Amino acid sequence: MDFLLRIDGKCIRMNPYSCIATGREEGMIEIVTNTMTISKIQLWYNHGDFVEESLYEWLKFHNPNEESLSQTVEELIFFLCRVCSGYVLFGYRRTRL
């Protein structure tokens, strides 16, 4: 879907996993390497339950100066809004076809 928007000159930075059906209710999905899951960030921060500030603390740890942190948070919010909007749009469109 992102490919179709790029042709139209729009980019919402969607990068869905590749997947292949190998049978009824069976398949394979793409392995994504060099990533940090939200679950791993939660474990890094408090070794347990979900805590909202853990994501922000993890970003602060990896962006020690305020300018870098501010830019990273701004880019993250922008990116997440675009990706979420894209999935809502395509999910709605798919149910309407």
PDB file of N, CA and C in Angstrom:
ATOM      1  N   MET A   1       0.809  -1.198   0.000  1.00  0.00           N
ATOM      2  CA  MET A   1       0.000   0.000   0.000  1.00  0.00           C
ATOM      3  C   MET A   1       0.852   1.263   0.000  1.00  0.00           C
ATOM      4  N   ASP A   2       1.931   1.236   0.788  1.00  0.00           N
ATOM      5  CA  ASP A   2       2.821   2.386   0.824  1.00  0.00           C
ATOM      6  C   ASP A   2       3.369   2.666  -0.569  1.00  0.00           C
ATOM      7  N   PHE A   3       3.638   1.597  -1.326  1.00  0.00           N
ATOM      8  CA  PHE A   3       4.143   1.729  -2.689  1.00  0.00           C
ATOM      9  C   PHE A   3       3.172   2.540  -3.545  1.00  0.00           C
ATOM     10  N   LEU A   4       1.875   2.262  -3.411  1.00  0.00           N
ATOM     11  CA  LEU A   4       0.879   2.983  -4.193  1.00  0.00           C
ATOM     12  C   LEU A   4       0.863   4.467  -3.856  1.00  0.00           C
ATOM     13  N   LEU A   5       1.017   4.784  -2.578  1.00  0.00           N
ATOM     14  CA  LEU A   5       1.051   6.200  -2.191  1.00  0.00           C
ATOM     15  C   LEU A   5       2.317   6.885  -2.697  1.00  0.00           C
ATOM     16  N   ARG A   6       3.428   6.168  -2.709  1.00  0.00           N
ATOM     17  CA  ARG A   6       4.671   6.762  -3.212  1.00  0.00           C
ATOM     18  C   ARG A   6       4.547   7.122  -4.687  1.00  0.00           C
ATOM     19  N   ILE A   7       3.841   6.289  -5.454  1.00  0.00           N
ATOM     20  CA  ILE A   7       3.608   6.589  -6.865  1.00  0.00           C
ATOM     21  C   ILE A   7       2.828   7.896  -6.989  1.00  0.00           C
ATOM     22  N   ASP A   8       1.894   8.108  -6.070  1.00  0.00           N
ATOM     23  CA  ASP A   8       1.063   9.307  -6.069  1.00  0.00           C
ATOM     24  C   ASP A   8       1.784  10.510  -5.440  1.00  0.00           C
ATOM     25  N   GLY A   9       3.033  10.322  -5.015  1.00  0.00           N
ATOM     26  CA  GLY A   9       3.802  11.426  -4.454  1.00  0.00           C
ATOM     27  C   GLY A   9       3.645  11.615  -2.957  1.00  0.00           C
ATOM     28  N   LYS A  10       3.011  10.664  -2.280  1.00  0.00           N
ATOM     29  CA  LYS A  10       2.826  10.760  -0.833  1.00  0.00           C
ATOM     30  C   LYS A  10       3.652   9.672  -0.164  1.00  0.00           C
ATOM     31  N   CYS A  11       4.114   9.946   1.017  1.00  0.00           N
ATOM     32  CA  CYS A  11       4.881   8.942   1.752  1.00  0.00           C
ATOM     33  C   CYS A  11       4.455   8.982   3.214  1.00  0.00           C
ATOM     34  N   ILE A  12       3.898   7.883   3.698  1.00  0.00           N
ATOM     35  CA  ILE A  12       3.514   7.834   5.104  1.00  0.00           C
ATOM     36  C   ILE A  12       4.435   6.902   5.884  1.00  0.00           C
ATOM     37  N   ARG A  13       5.499   6.455   5.266  1.00  0.00           N
ATOM     38  CA  ARG A  13       6.575   5.683   5.899  1.00  0.00           C
ATOM     39  C   ARG A  13       6.084   4.362   6.497  1.00  0.00           C
ATOM     40  N   MET A  14       5.136   3.734   5.845  1.00  0.00           N
ATOM     41  CA  MET A  14       4.692   2.415   6.295  1.00  0.00           C
ATOM     42  C   MET A  14       5.713   1.389   5.825  1.00  0.00           C
ATOM     43  N   ASN A  15       5.967   0.413   6.654  1.00  0.00           N
ATOM     44  CA  ASN A  15       6.878  -0.660   6.287  1.00  0.00           C
ATOM     45  C   ASN A  15       6.340  -1.965   6.871  1.00  0.00           C
ATOM     46  N   PRO A  16       5.259  -2.475   6.272  1.00  0.00           N
ATOM     47  CA  PRO A  16       4.668  -3.695   6.830  1.00  0.00           C
ATOM     48  C   PRO A  16       5.603  -4.888   6.647  1.00  0.00           C
ATOM     49  N   TYR A  17       5.434  -5.869   7.516  1.00  0.00           N
ATOM     50  CA  TYR A  17       6.216  -7.091   7.413  1.00  0.00           C
ATOM     51  C   TYR A  17       5.843  -7.843   6.142  1.00  0.00           C
ATOM     52  N   SER A  18       6.833  -8.488   5.555  1.00  0.00           N
ATOM     53  CA  SER A  18       6.541  -9.393   4.445  1.00  0.00           C
ATOM     54  C   SER A  18       5.990 -10.683   5.032  1.00  0.00           C
ATOM     55  N   CYS A  19       5.057 -11.306   4.331  1.00  0.00           N
ATOM     56  CA  CYS A  19       4.523 -12.585   4.796  1.00  0.00           C
ATOM     57  C   CYS A  19       4.149 -13.443   3.603  1.00  0.00           C
ATOM     58  N   ILE A  20       4.212 -14.745   3.811  1.00  0.00           N
ATOM     59  CA  ILE A  20       3.896 -15.704   2.759  1.00  0.00           C
ATOM     60  C   ILE A  20       2.973 -16.756   3.362  1.00  0.00           C
ATOM     61  N   ALA A  21       1.845 -16.991   2.702  1.00  0.00           N
ATOM     62  CA  ALA A  21       0.956 -18.062   3.138  1.00  0.00           C
ATOM     63  C   ALA A  21       1.536 -19.381   2.650  1.00  0.00           C
ATOM     64  N   THR A  22       1.643 -20.342   3.552  1.00  0.00           N
ATOM     65  CA  THR A  22       2.148 -21.659   3.178  1.00  0.00           C
ATOM     66  C   THR A  22       1.052 -22.718   3.260  1.00  0.00           C
ATOM     67  N   GLY A  23      -0.118 -22.327   3.695  1.00  0.00           N
ATOM     68  CA  GLY A  23      -1.242 -23.238   3.806  1.00  0.00           C
ATOM     69  C   GLY A  23      -2.399 -22.518   4.468  1.00  0.00           C
ATOM     70  N   ARG A  24      -3.468 -23.237   4.687  1.00  0.00           N
ATOM     71  CA  ARG A  24      -4.622 -22.637   5.353  1.00  0.00           C
ATOM     72  C   ARG A  24      -4.247 -22.341   6.807  1.00  0.00           C
ATOM     73  N   GLU A  25      -4.356 -21.087   7.198  1.00  0.00           N
ATOM     74  CA  GLU A  25      -4.012 -20.632   8.544  1.00  0.00           C
ATOM     75  C   GLU A  25      -2.558 -20.906   8.912  1.00  0.00           C
ATOM     76  N   GLU A  26      -1.678 -20.953   7.929  1.00  0.00           N
ATOM     77  CA  GLU A  26      -0.244 -21.144   8.158  1.00  0.00           C
ATOM     78  C   GLU A  26       0.521 -20.180   7.287  1.00  0.00           C
ATOM     79  N   GLY A  27       1.709 -19.840   7.730  1.00  0.00           N
ATOM     80  CA  GLY A  27       2.537 -18.974   6.910  1.00  0.00           C
ATOM     81  C   GLY A  27       3.820 -18.602   7.613  1.00  0.00           C
ATOM     82  N   MET A  28       4.561 -17.748   6.962  1.00  0.00           N
ATOM     83  CA  MET A  28       5.823 -17.248   7.512  1.00  0.00           C
ATOM     84  C   MET A  28       5.805 -15.729   7.447  1.00  0.00           C
ATOM     85  N   ILE A  29       6.418 -15.109   8.441  1.00  0.00           N
ATOM     86  CA  ILE A  29       6.551 -13.661   8.415  1.00  0.00           C
ATOM     87  C   ILE A  29       8.028 -13.300   8.406  1.00  0.00           C
ATOM     88  N   GLU A  30       8.318 -12.094   7.959  1.00  0.00           N
ATOM     89  CA  GLU A  30       9.681 -11.591   7.878  1.00  0.00           C
ATOM     90  C   GLU A  30      10.267 -11.407   9.274  1.00  0.00           C
ATOM     91  N   ILE A  31      11.506 -11.795   9.438  1.00  0.00           N
ATOM     92  CA  ILE A  31      12.215 -11.549  10.691  1.00  0.00           C
ATOM     93  C   ILE A  31      12.854 -10.166  10.597  1.00  0.00           C
ATOM     94  N   VAL A  32      12.626  -9.350  11.603  1.00  0.00           N
ATOM     95  CA  VAL A  32      13.180  -8.000  11.632  1.00  0.00           C
ATOM     96  C   VAL A  32      14.307  -7.986  12.659  1.00  0.00           C
ATOM     97  N   THR A  33      15.506  -7.710  12.193  1.00  0.00           N
ATOM     98  CA  THR A  33      16.673  -7.724  13.076  1.00  0.00           C
ATOM     99  C   THR A  33      17.043  -6.312  13.524  1.00  0.00           C
ATOM    100  N   ASN A  34      17.933  -6.234  14.487  1.00  0.00           N
ATOM    101  CA  ASN A  34      18.446  -4.954  15.008  1.00  0.00           C
ATOM    102  C   ASN A  34      17.326  -4.019  15.458  1.00  0.00           C
ATOM    103  N   THR A  35      16.387  -4.565  16.212  1.00  0.00           N
ATOM    104  CA  THR A  35      15.278  -3.759  16.717  1.00  0.00           C
ATOM    105  C   THR A  35      15.169  -3.916  18.230  1.00  0.00           C
ATOM    106  N   MET A  36      14.469  -3.010  18.830  1.00  0.00           N
ATOM    107  CA  MET A  36      14.190  -3.075  20.264  1.00  0.00           C
ATOM    108  C   MET A  36      12.679  -3.056  20.411  1.00  0.00           C
ATOM    109  N   THR A  37      12.118  -4.124  20.930  1.00  0.00           N
ATOM    110  CA  THR A  37      10.670  -4.185  21.108  1.00  0.00           C
ATOM    111  C   THR A  37      10.264  -3.367  22.338  1.00  0.00           C
ATOM    112  N   ILE A  38       9.007  -2.991  22.383  1.00  0.00           N
ATOM    113  CA  ILE A  38       8.498  -2.269  23.555  1.00  0.00           C
ATOM    114  C   ILE A  38       8.620  -3.150  24.790  1.00  0.00           C
ATOM    115  N   SER A  39       8.435  -4.445  24.620  1.00  0.00           N
ATOM    116  CA  SER A  39       8.578  -5.384  25.736  1.00  0.00           C
ATOM    117  C   SER A  39       9.998  -5.345  26.306  1.00  0.00           C
ATOM    118  N   LYS A  40      10.990  -5.318  25.429  1.00  0.00           N
ATOM    119  CA  LYS A  40      12.389  -5.255  25.886  1.00  0.00           C
ATOM    120  C   LYS A  40      12.681  -3.927  26.584  1.00  0.00           C
ATOM    121  N   ILE A  41      12.085  -2.854  26.079  1.00  0.00           N
ATOM    122  CA  ILE A  41      12.276  -1.543  26.718  1.00  0.00           C
ATOM    123  C   ILE A  41      11.662  -1.556  28.113  1.00  0.00           C
ATOM    124  N   GLN A  42      10.494  -2.179  28.249  1.00  0.00           N
ATOM    125  CA  GLN A  42       9.860  -2.287  29.567  1.00  0.00           C
ATOM    126  C   GLN A  42      10.748  -3.062  30.535  1.00  0.00           C
ATOM    127  N   LEU A  43      11.315  -4.161  30.063  1.00  0.00           N
ATOM    128  CA  LEU A  43      12.209  -4.949  30.916  1.00  0.00           C
ATOM    129  C   LEU A  43      13.459  -4.159  31.280  1.00  0.00           C
ATOM    130  N   TRP A  44      13.990  -3.397  30.322  1.00  0.00           N
ATOM    131  CA  TRP A  44      15.175  -2.567  30.574  1.00  0.00           C
ATOM    132  C   TRP A  44      14.876  -1.539  31.664  1.00  0.00           C
ATOM    133  N   TYR A  45      13.651  -0.975  31.630  1.00  0.00           N
ATOM    134  CA  TYR A  45      13.317   0.110  32.552  1.00  0.00           C
ATOM    135  C   TYR A  45      12.941  -0.375  33.940  1.00  0.00           C
ATOM    136  N   ASN A  46      12.049  -1.357  34.039  1.00  0.00           N
ATOM    137  CA  ASN A  46      11.549  -1.708  35.379  1.00  0.00           C
ATOM    138  C   ASN A  46      11.401  -3.204  35.626  1.00  0.00           C
ATOM    139  N   HIS A  47      11.848  -4.020  34.704  1.00  0.00           N
ATOM    140  CA  HIS A  47      11.819  -5.473  34.896  1.00  0.00           C
ATOM    141  C   HIS A  47      10.429  -6.013  35.186  1.00  0.00           C
ATOM    142  N   GLY A  48       9.411  -5.474  34.541  1.00  0.00           N
ATOM    143  CA  GLY A  48       8.074  -6.003  34.829  1.00  0.00           C
ATOM    144  C   GLY A  48       6.969  -5.359  34.047  1.00  0.00           C
ATOM    145  N   ASP A  49       5.973  -4.854  34.768  1.00  0.00           N
ATOM    146  CA  ASP A  49       4.746  -4.341  34.169  1.00  0.00           C
ATOM    147  C   ASP A  49       4.994  -3.137  33.273  1.00  0.00           C
ATOM    148  N   PHE A  50       4.010  -2.880  32.408  1.00  0.00           N
ATOM    149  CA  PHE A  50       4.082  -1.725  31.520  1.00  0.00           C
ATOM    150  C   PHE A  50       4.018  -0.435  32.328  1.00  0.00           C
ATOM    151  N   VAL A  51       4.974   0.436  32.095  1.00  0.00           N
ATOM    152  CA  VAL A  51       5.016   1.746  32.739  1.00  0.00           C
ATOM    153  C   VAL A  51       5.191   2.780  31.621  1.00  0.00           C
ATOM    154  N   GLU A  52       4.295   3.752  31.564  1.00  0.00           N
ATOM    155  CA  GLU A  52       4.288   4.717  30.465  1.00  0.00           C
ATOM    156  C   GLU A  52       5.610   5.455  30.287  1.00  0.00           C
ATOM    157  N   GLU A  53       6.237   5.864  31.364  1.00  0.00           N
ATOM    158  CA  GLU A  53       7.443   6.675  31.221  1.00  0.00           C
ATOM    159  C   GLU A  53       8.657   5.881  30.747  1.00  0.00           C
ATOM    160  N   SER A  54       8.539   4.560  30.657  1.00  0.00           N
ATOM    161  CA  SER A  54       9.690   3.744  30.249  1.00  0.00           C
ATOM    162  C   SER A  54      10.167   4.088  28.841  1.00  0.00           C
ATOM    163  N   LEU A  55       9.247   4.337  27.916  1.00  0.00           N
ATOM    164  CA  LEU A  55       9.654   4.684  26.552  1.00  0.00           C
ATOM    165  C   LEU A  55      10.408   6.004  26.522  1.00  0.00           C
ATOM    166  N   TYR A  56       9.898   6.977  27.258  1.00  0.00           N
ATOM    167  CA  TYR A  56      10.563   8.278  27.305  1.00  0.00           C
ATOM    168  C   TYR A  56      11.929   8.156  27.973  1.00  0.00           C
ATOM    169  N   GLU A  57      12.033   7.387  29.038  1.00  0.00           N
ATOM    170  CA  GLU A  57      13.317   7.196  29.726  1.00  0.00           C
ATOM    171  C   GLU A  57      14.322   6.485  28.832  1.00  0.00           C
ATOM    172  N   TRP A  58      13.849   5.535  28.041  1.00  0.00           N
ATOM    173  CA  TRP A  58      14.734   4.829  27.112  1.00  0.00           C
ATOM    174  C   TRP A  58      15.243   5.794  26.044  1.00  0.00           C
ATOM    175  N   LEU A  59      14.341   6.661  25.538  1.00  0.00           N
ATOM    176  CA  LEU A  59      14.759   7.664  24.551  1.00  0.00           C
ATOM    177  C   LEU A  59      15.760   8.639  25.166  1.00  0.00           C
ATOM    178  N   LYS A  60      15.533   9.045  26.415  1.00  0.00           N
ATOM    179  CA  LYS A  60      16.478   9.942  27.109  1.00  0.00           C
ATOM    180  C   LYS A  60      17.846   9.286  27.264  1.00  0.00           C
ATOM    181  N   PHE A  61      17.862   8.000  27.570  1.00  0.00           N
ATOM    182  CA  PHE A  61      19.112   7.272  27.746  1.00  0.00           C
ATOM    183  C   PHE A  61      19.926   7.269  26.450  1.00  0.00           C
ATOM    184  N   HIS A  62      19.233   7.145  25.317  1.00  0.00           N
ATOM    185  CA  HIS A  62      19.910   7.082  24.024  1.00  0.00           C
ATOM    186  C   HIS A  62      20.072   8.439  23.352  1.00  0.00           C
ATOM    187  N   ASN A  63      19.544   9.481  23.947  1.00  0.00           N
ATOM    188  CA  ASN A  63      19.680  10.854  23.447  1.00  0.00           C
ATOM    189  C   ASN A  63      19.986  11.755  24.634  1.00  0.00           C
ATOM    190  N   PRO A  64      21.254  11.733  25.085  1.00  0.00           N
ATOM    191  CA  PRO A  64      21.588  12.394  26.353  1.00  0.00           C
ATOM    192  C   PRO A  64      21.407  13.913  26.387  1.00  0.00           C
ATOM    193  N   ASN A  65      21.537  14.598  25.245  1.00  0.00           N
ATOM    194  CA  ASN A  65      21.340  16.050  25.334  1.00  0.00           C
ATOM    195  C   ASN A  65      19.905  16.414  24.959  1.00  0.00           C
ATOM    196  N   GLU A  66      19.431  17.506  25.512  1.00  0.00           N
ATOM    197  CA  GLU A  66      18.032  17.913  25.399  1.00  0.00           C
ATOM    198  C   GLU A  66      17.611  18.170  23.953  1.00  0.00           C
ATOM    199  N   GLU A  67      18.497  18.756  23.158  1.00  0.00           N
ATOM    200  CA  GLU A  67      18.170  19.048  21.761  1.00  0.00           C
ATOM    201  C   GLU A  67      17.944  17.757  20.965  1.00  0.00           C
ATOM    202  N   SER A  68      18.822  16.798  21.152  1.00  0.00           N
ATOM    203  CA  SER A  68      18.696  15.511  20.468  1.00  0.00           C
ATOM    204  C   SER A  68      17.425  14.787  20.904  1.00  0.00           C
ATOM    205  N   LEU A  69      17.148  14.794  22.195  1.00  0.00           N
ATOM    206  CA  LEU A  69      15.950  14.151  22.730  1.00  0.00           C
ATOM    207  C   LEU A  69      14.690  14.798  22.170  1.00  0.00           C
ATOM    208  N   SER A  70      14.647  16.105  22.177  1.00  0.00           N
ATOM    209  CA  SER A  70      13.479  16.832  21.674  1.00  0.00           C
ATOM    210  C   SER A  70      13.227  16.513  20.200  1.00  0.00           C
ATOM    211  N   GLN A  71      14.281  16.503  19.399  1.00  0.00           N
ATOM    212  CA  GLN A  71      14.145  16.194  17.979  1.00  0.00           C
ATOM    213  C   GLN A  71      13.673  14.756  17.771  1.00  0.00           C
ATOM    214  N   THR A  72      14.221  13.829  18.541  1.00  0.00           N
ATOM    215  CA  THR A  72      13.834  12.423  18.430  1.00  0.00           C
ATOM    216  C   THR A  72      12.365  12.226  18.787  1.00  0.00           C
ATOM    217  N   VAL A  73      11.912  12.822  19.877  1.00  0.00           N
ATOM    218  CA  VAL A  73      10.511  12.699  20.295  1.00  0.00           C
ATOM    219  C   VAL A  73       9.595  13.303  19.238  1.00  0.00           C
ATOM    220  N   GLU A  74       9.961  14.458  18.698  1.00  0.00           N
ATOM    221  CA  GLU A  74       9.150  15.099  17.664  1.00  0.00           C
ATOM    222  C   GLU A  74       9.051  14.207  16.420  1.00  0.00           C
ATOM    223  N   GLU A  75      10.172  13.636  15.990  1.00  0.00           N
ATOM    224  CA  GLU A  75      10.167  12.751  14.819  1.00  0.00           C
ATOM    225  C   GLU A  75       9.354  11.487  15.084  1.00  0.00           C
ATOM    226  N   LEU A  76       9.470  10.960  16.290  1.00  0.00           N
ATOM    227  CA  LEU A  76       8.737   9.748  16.643  1.00  0.00           C
ATOM    228  C   LEU A  76       7.229   9.985  16.613  1.00  0.00           C
ATOM    229  N   ILE A  77       6.781  11.075  17.185  1.00  0.00           N
ATOM    230  CA  ILE A  77       5.349  11.396  17.192  1.00  0.00           C
ATOM    231  C   ILE A  77       4.844  11.588  15.762  1.00  0.00           C
ATOM    232  N   PHE A  78       5.608  12.306  14.954  1.00  0.00           N
ATOM    233  CA  PHE A  78       5.233  12.526  13.558  1.00  0.00           C
ATOM    234  C   PHE A  78       5.137  11.196  12.812  1.00  0.00           C
ATOM    235  N   PHE A  79       6.138  10.342  12.994  1.00  0.00           N
ATOM    236  CA  PHE A  79       6.184   9.043  12.339  1.00  0.00           C
ATOM    237  C   PHE A  79       5.013   8.160  12.774  1.00  0.00           C
ATOM    238  N   LEU A  80       4.772   8.069  14.078  1.00  0.00           N
ATOM    239  CA  LEU A  80       3.701   7.215  14.587  1.00  0.00           C
ATOM    240  C   LEU A  80       2.328   7.685  14.109  1.00  0.00           C
ATOM    241  N   CYS A  81       2.112   8.983  14.063  1.00  0.00           N
ATOM    242  CA  CYS A  81       0.834   9.517  13.577  1.00  0.00           C
ATOM    243  C   CYS A  81       0.604   9.142  12.119  1.00  0.00           C
ATOM    244  N   ARG A  82       1.643   9.251  11.302  1.00  0.00           N
ATOM    245  CA  ARG A  82       1.505   8.915   9.880  1.00  0.00           C
ATOM    246  C   ARG A  82       1.252   7.429   9.689  1.00  0.00           C
ATOM    247  N   VAL A  83       2.012   6.599  10.387  1.00  0.00           N
ATOM    248  CA  VAL A  83       1.863   5.152  10.227  1.00  0.00           C
ATOM    249  C   VAL A  83       0.493   4.700  10.729  1.00  0.00           C
ATOM    250  N   CYS A  84       0.075   5.169  11.887  1.00  0.00           N
ATOM    251  CA  CYS A  84      -1.243   4.794  12.418  1.00  0.00           C
ATOM    252  C   CYS A  84      -2.348   5.243  11.470  1.00  0.00           C
ATOM    253  N   SER A  85      -2.226   6.437  10.940  1.00  0.00           N
ATOM    254  CA  SER A  85      -3.220   6.939   9.983  1.00  0.00           C
ATOM    255  C   SER A  85      -3.264   6.052   8.754  1.00  0.00           C
ATOM    256  N   GLY A  86      -2.115   5.638   8.280  1.00  0.00           N
ATOM    257  CA  GLY A  86      -2.048   4.773   7.102  1.00  0.00           C
ATOM    258  C   GLY A  86      -2.728   3.449   7.339  1.00  0.00           C
ATOM    259  N   TYR A  87      -2.461   2.819   8.475  1.00  0.00           N
ATOM    260  CA  TYR A  87      -3.086   1.527   8.757  1.00  0.00           C
ATOM    261  C   TYR A  87      -4.597   1.664   8.957  1.00  0.00           C
ATOM    262  N   VAL A  88      -5.050   2.744   9.553  1.00  0.00           N
ATOM    263  CA  VAL A  88      -6.496   2.973   9.694  1.00  0.00           C
ATOM    264  C   VAL A  88      -7.117   3.138   8.312  1.00  0.00           C
ATOM    265  N   LEU A  89      -6.479   3.943   7.479  1.00  0.00           N
ATOM    266  CA  LEU A  89      -6.985   4.181   6.129  1.00  0.00           C
ATOM    267  C   LEU A  89      -7.070   2.886   5.335  1.00  0.00           C
ATOM    268  N   PHE A  90      -6.011   2.110   5.319  1.00  0.00           N
ATOM    269  CA  PHE A  90      -6.002   0.886   4.530  1.00  0.00           C
ATOM    270  C   PHE A  90      -6.873  -0.194   5.148  1.00  0.00           C
ATOM    271  N   GLY A  91      -6.972  -0.228   6.464  1.00  0.00           N
ATOM    272  CA  GLY A  91      -7.866  -1.174   7.103  1.00  0.00           C
ATOM    273  C   GLY A  91      -9.311  -0.883   6.766  1.00  0.00           C
ATOM    274  N   TYR A  92      -9.672   0.394   6.762  1.00  0.00           N
ATOM    275  CA  TYR A  92     -11.040   0.793   6.409  1.00  0.00           C
ATOM    276  C   TYR A  92     -11.314   0.471   4.944  1.00  0.00           C
ATOM    277  N   ARG A  93     -10.369   0.829   4.096  1.00  0.00           N
ATOM    278  CA  ARG A  93     -10.543   0.592   2.665  1.00  0.00           C
ATOM    279  C   ARG A  93     -10.693  -0.896   2.372  1.00  0.00           C
ATOM    280  N   ARG A  94      -9.916  -1.716   3.049  1.00  0.00           N
ATOM    281  CA  ARG A  94      -9.966  -3.164   2.816  1.00  0.00           C
ATOM    282  C   ARG A  94     -11.335  -3.743   3.212  1.00  0.00           C
ATOM    283  N   THR A  95     -11.915  -3.226   4.282  1.00  0.00           N
ATOM    284  CA  THR A  95     -13.214  -3.749   4.713  1.00  0.00           C
ATOM    285  C   THR A  95     -14.332  -3.280   3.791  1.00  0.00           C
ATOM    286  N   ARG A  96     -14.097  -2.220   3.055  1.00  0.00           N
ATOM    287  CA  ARG A  96     -15.127  -1.669   2.179  1.00  0.00           C
ATOM    288  C   ARG A  96     -15.084  -2.288   0.777  1.00  0.00           C
ATOM    289  N   LEU A  97     -14.034  -3.022   0.430  1.00  0.00           N
ATOM    290  CA  LEU A  97     -13.905  -3.578  -0.932  1.00  0.00           C
ATOM    291  C   LEU A  97     -14.733  -4.820  -1.117  1.00  0.00           C
TER     292      LEU A  97
END
